[in-house]
Amino acid sequence: MKARVDENLCAGTRACEQACPAVFEVEDGLARVKVDTVPEDSHEACREAMENCPTGAISIDE
């Protein structure tokens, strides 16, 4: 699984970082993906981060 953040849509709310800190971090007001591949034990949290993103900036490739 790979996660992506569309920086043009990101509002920097930190919702993704709170849901899945192993994968996401917010720097300079924008979310960034910290890992190339989402660890298997973070798949559920990563999906939650995508579903809870208020701007729809997160996408996941399974």
N, C-alpha and C. Protein backbone atom coordinates (compact mmCIF):
# COMPACT_ATOMS: atom_id res chain seq x y z
N MET A 1 0.84 -1.17 0.00
CA MET A 1 0.00 0.00 0.00
C MET A 1 0.89 1.24 0.00
N LYS A 2 0.48 2.22 -0.79
CA LYS A 2 1.18 3.50 -0.84
C LYS A 2 0.17 4.62 -0.61
N ALA A 3 0.57 5.62 0.14
CA ALA A 3 -0.29 6.77 0.41
C ALA A 3 0.28 7.99 -0.29
N ARG A 4 -0.62 8.88 -0.69
CA ARG A 4 -0.21 10.12 -1.34
C ARG A 4 -1.03 11.27 -0.78
N VAL A 5 -0.42 12.45 -0.78
CA VAL A 5 -1.12 13.67 -0.37
C VAL A 5 -1.05 14.66 -1.53
N ASP A 6 -2.21 15.15 -1.94
CA ASP A 6 -2.26 16.19 -2.96
C ASP A 6 -2.07 17.53 -2.26
N GLU A 7 -0.89 18.10 -2.42
CA GLU A 7 -0.56 19.34 -1.72
C GLU A 7 -1.45 20.50 -2.15
N ASN A 8 -2.05 20.42 -3.32
CA ASN A 8 -2.96 21.47 -3.78
C ASN A 8 -4.29 21.45 -3.02
N LEU A 9 -4.62 20.30 -2.42
CA LEU A 9 -5.87 20.16 -1.67
C LEU A 9 -5.66 20.22 -0.16
N CYS A 10 -4.47 19.95 0.30
CA CYS A 10 -4.19 19.84 1.73
C CYS A 10 -4.39 21.18 2.44
N ALA A 11 -5.10 21.12 3.59
CA ALA A 11 -5.33 22.32 4.40
C ALA A 11 -4.51 22.29 5.68
N GLY A 12 -3.73 21.22 5.89
CA GLY A 12 -2.86 21.14 7.06
C GLY A 12 -3.58 21.01 8.38
N THR A 13 -4.73 20.34 8.39
CA THR A 13 -5.53 20.22 9.61
C THR A 13 -4.96 19.25 10.63
N ARG A 14 -4.01 18.45 10.22
CA ARG A 14 -3.38 17.43 11.06
C ARG A 14 -4.27 16.22 11.35
N ALA A 15 -5.41 16.12 10.71
CA ALA A 15 -6.29 14.97 10.93
C ALA A 15 -5.59 13.67 10.55
N CYS A 16 -4.83 13.70 9.47
CA CYS A 16 -4.13 12.49 9.02
C CYS A 16 -3.01 12.13 10.00
N GLU A 17 -2.30 13.13 10.47
CA GLU A 17 -1.20 12.90 11.42
C GLU A 17 -1.73 12.32 12.73
N GLN A 18 -2.90 12.77 13.16
CA GLN A 18 -3.50 12.24 14.38
C GLN A 18 -3.98 10.82 14.19
N ALA A 19 -4.55 10.51 13.02
CA ALA A 19 -5.07 9.17 12.75
C ALA A 19 -3.97 8.16 12.49
N CYS A 20 -2.89 8.60 11.83
CA CYS A 20 -1.84 7.66 11.42
C CYS A 20 -0.46 8.33 11.46
N PRO A 21 0.06 8.56 12.66
CA PRO A 21 1.36 9.25 12.77
C PRO A 21 2.54 8.46 12.21
N ALA A 22 2.37 7.16 12.02
CA ALA A 22 3.46 6.37 11.44
C ALA A 22 3.66 6.68 9.96
N VAL A 23 2.64 7.25 9.33
CA VAL A 23 2.69 7.49 7.89
C VAL A 23 2.71 8.98 7.54
N PHE A 24 1.95 9.78 8.29
CA PHE A 24 1.79 11.19 7.94
C PHE A 24 2.40 12.13 8.97
N GLU A 25 2.92 13.25 8.47
CA GLU A 25 3.36 14.34 9.34
C GLU A 25 3.03 15.65 8.63
N VAL A 26 2.79 16.68 9.41
CA VAL A 26 2.49 17.99 8.85
C VAL A 26 3.69 18.89 9.12
N GLU A 27 4.22 19.45 8.04
CA GLU A 27 5.34 20.38 8.11
C GLU A 27 5.00 21.59 7.27
N ASP A 28 5.28 22.75 7.80
CA ASP A 28 5.04 24.00 7.06
C ASP A 28 3.61 24.09 6.54
N GLY A 29 2.65 23.55 7.32
CA GLY A 29 1.25 23.66 6.96
C GLY A 29 0.74 22.67 5.95
N LEU A 30 1.59 21.70 5.54
CA LEU A 30 1.16 20.69 4.58
C LEU A 30 1.49 19.29 5.08
N ALA A 31 0.57 18.36 4.84
CA ALA A 31 0.82 16.97 5.20
C ALA A 31 1.80 16.36 4.21
N ARG A 32 2.61 15.48 4.73
CA ARG A 32 3.57 14.74 3.92
C ARG A 32 3.53 13.26 4.33
N VAL A 33 3.82 12.40 3.38
CA VAL A 33 3.92 10.97 3.65
C VAL A 33 5.36 10.69 4.05
N LYS A 34 5.54 10.05 5.20
CA LYS A 34 6.88 9.81 5.74
C LYS A 34 7.52 8.52 5.25
N VAL A 35 6.76 7.63 4.65
CA VAL A 35 7.25 6.31 4.27
C VAL A 35 6.96 6.02 2.81
N ASP A 36 7.79 5.21 2.18
CA ASP A 36 7.54 4.81 0.79
C ASP A 36 6.38 3.83 0.70
N THR A 37 6.36 2.88 1.61
CA THR A 37 5.31 1.88 1.67
C THR A 37 4.71 1.88 3.06
N VAL A 38 3.39 1.90 3.13
CA VAL A 38 2.71 1.90 4.42
C VAL A 38 2.93 0.55 5.11
N PRO A 39 3.43 0.56 6.35
CA PRO A 39 3.61 -0.70 7.07
C PRO A 39 2.27 -1.42 7.23
N GLU A 40 2.31 -2.72 7.17
CA GLU A 40 1.08 -3.50 7.22
C GLU A 40 0.26 -3.21 8.47
N ASP A 41 0.92 -2.98 9.59
CA ASP A 41 0.18 -2.72 10.82
C ASP A 41 -0.43 -1.31 10.87
N SER A 42 -0.18 -0.50 9.84
CA SER A 42 -0.75 0.85 9.76
C SER A 42 -1.79 0.99 8.66
N HIS A 43 -2.11 -0.10 7.97
CA HIS A 43 -3.07 -0.02 6.86
C HIS A 43 -4.42 0.54 7.31
N GLU A 44 -4.96 0.01 8.41
CA GLU A 44 -6.27 0.46 8.89
C GLU A 44 -6.24 1.95 9.25
N ALA A 45 -5.22 2.37 9.97
CA ALA A 45 -5.10 3.78 10.37
C ALA A 45 -4.92 4.68 9.15
N CYS A 46 -4.22 4.20 8.16
CA CYS A 46 -4.01 4.98 6.94
C CYS A 46 -5.33 5.16 6.19
N ARG A 47 -6.13 4.12 6.12
CA ARG A 47 -7.45 4.23 5.49
C ARG A 47 -8.33 5.22 6.27
N GLU A 48 -8.24 5.17 7.59
CA GLU A 48 -9.00 6.09 8.44
C GLU A 48 -8.57 7.53 8.16
N ALA A 49 -7.27 7.76 8.01
CA ALA A 49 -6.77 9.10 7.71
C ALA A 49 -7.34 9.59 6.38
N MET A 50 -7.38 8.71 5.38
CA MET A 50 -7.92 9.09 4.08
C MET A 50 -9.41 9.44 4.19
N GLU A 51 -10.16 8.60 4.90
CA GLU A 51 -11.61 8.81 5.03
C GLU A 51 -11.94 10.07 5.82
N ASN A 52 -11.07 10.45 6.76
CA ASN A 52 -11.34 11.59 7.63
C ASN A 52 -10.71 12.89 7.13
N CYS A 53 -9.99 12.85 6.04
CA CYS A 53 -9.38 14.07 5.52
C CYS A 53 -10.49 15.02 5.05
N PRO A 54 -10.58 16.21 5.65
CA PRO A 54 -11.69 17.10 5.30
C PRO A 54 -11.64 17.66 3.88
N THR A 55 -10.48 17.62 3.24
CA THR A 55 -10.37 18.16 1.88
C THR A 55 -10.20 17.08 0.82
N GLY A 56 -10.13 15.81 1.22
CA GLY A 56 -9.96 14.73 0.27
C GLY A 56 -8.57 14.71 -0.37
N ALA A 57 -7.58 15.21 0.35
CA ALA A 57 -6.23 15.32 -0.20
C ALA A 57 -5.46 14.01 -0.21
N ILE A 58 -5.93 13.01 0.53
CA ILE A 58 -5.19 11.75 0.65
C ILE A 58 -5.78 10.70 -0.28
N SER A 59 -4.89 10.00 -0.96
CA SER A 59 -5.30 8.86 -1.78
C SER A 59 -4.40 7.68 -1.42
N ILE A 60 -4.92 6.49 -1.65
CA ILE A 60 -4.20 5.26 -1.34
C ILE A 60 -4.21 4.34 -2.55
N ASP A 61 -3.05 3.79 -2.86
CA ASP A 61 -2.94 2.74 -3.88
C ASP A 61 -2.73 1.44 -3.13
N GLU A 62 -3.68 0.55 -3.27
CA GLU A 62 -3.62 -0.73 -2.56
C GLU A 62 -2.63 -1.67 -3.21
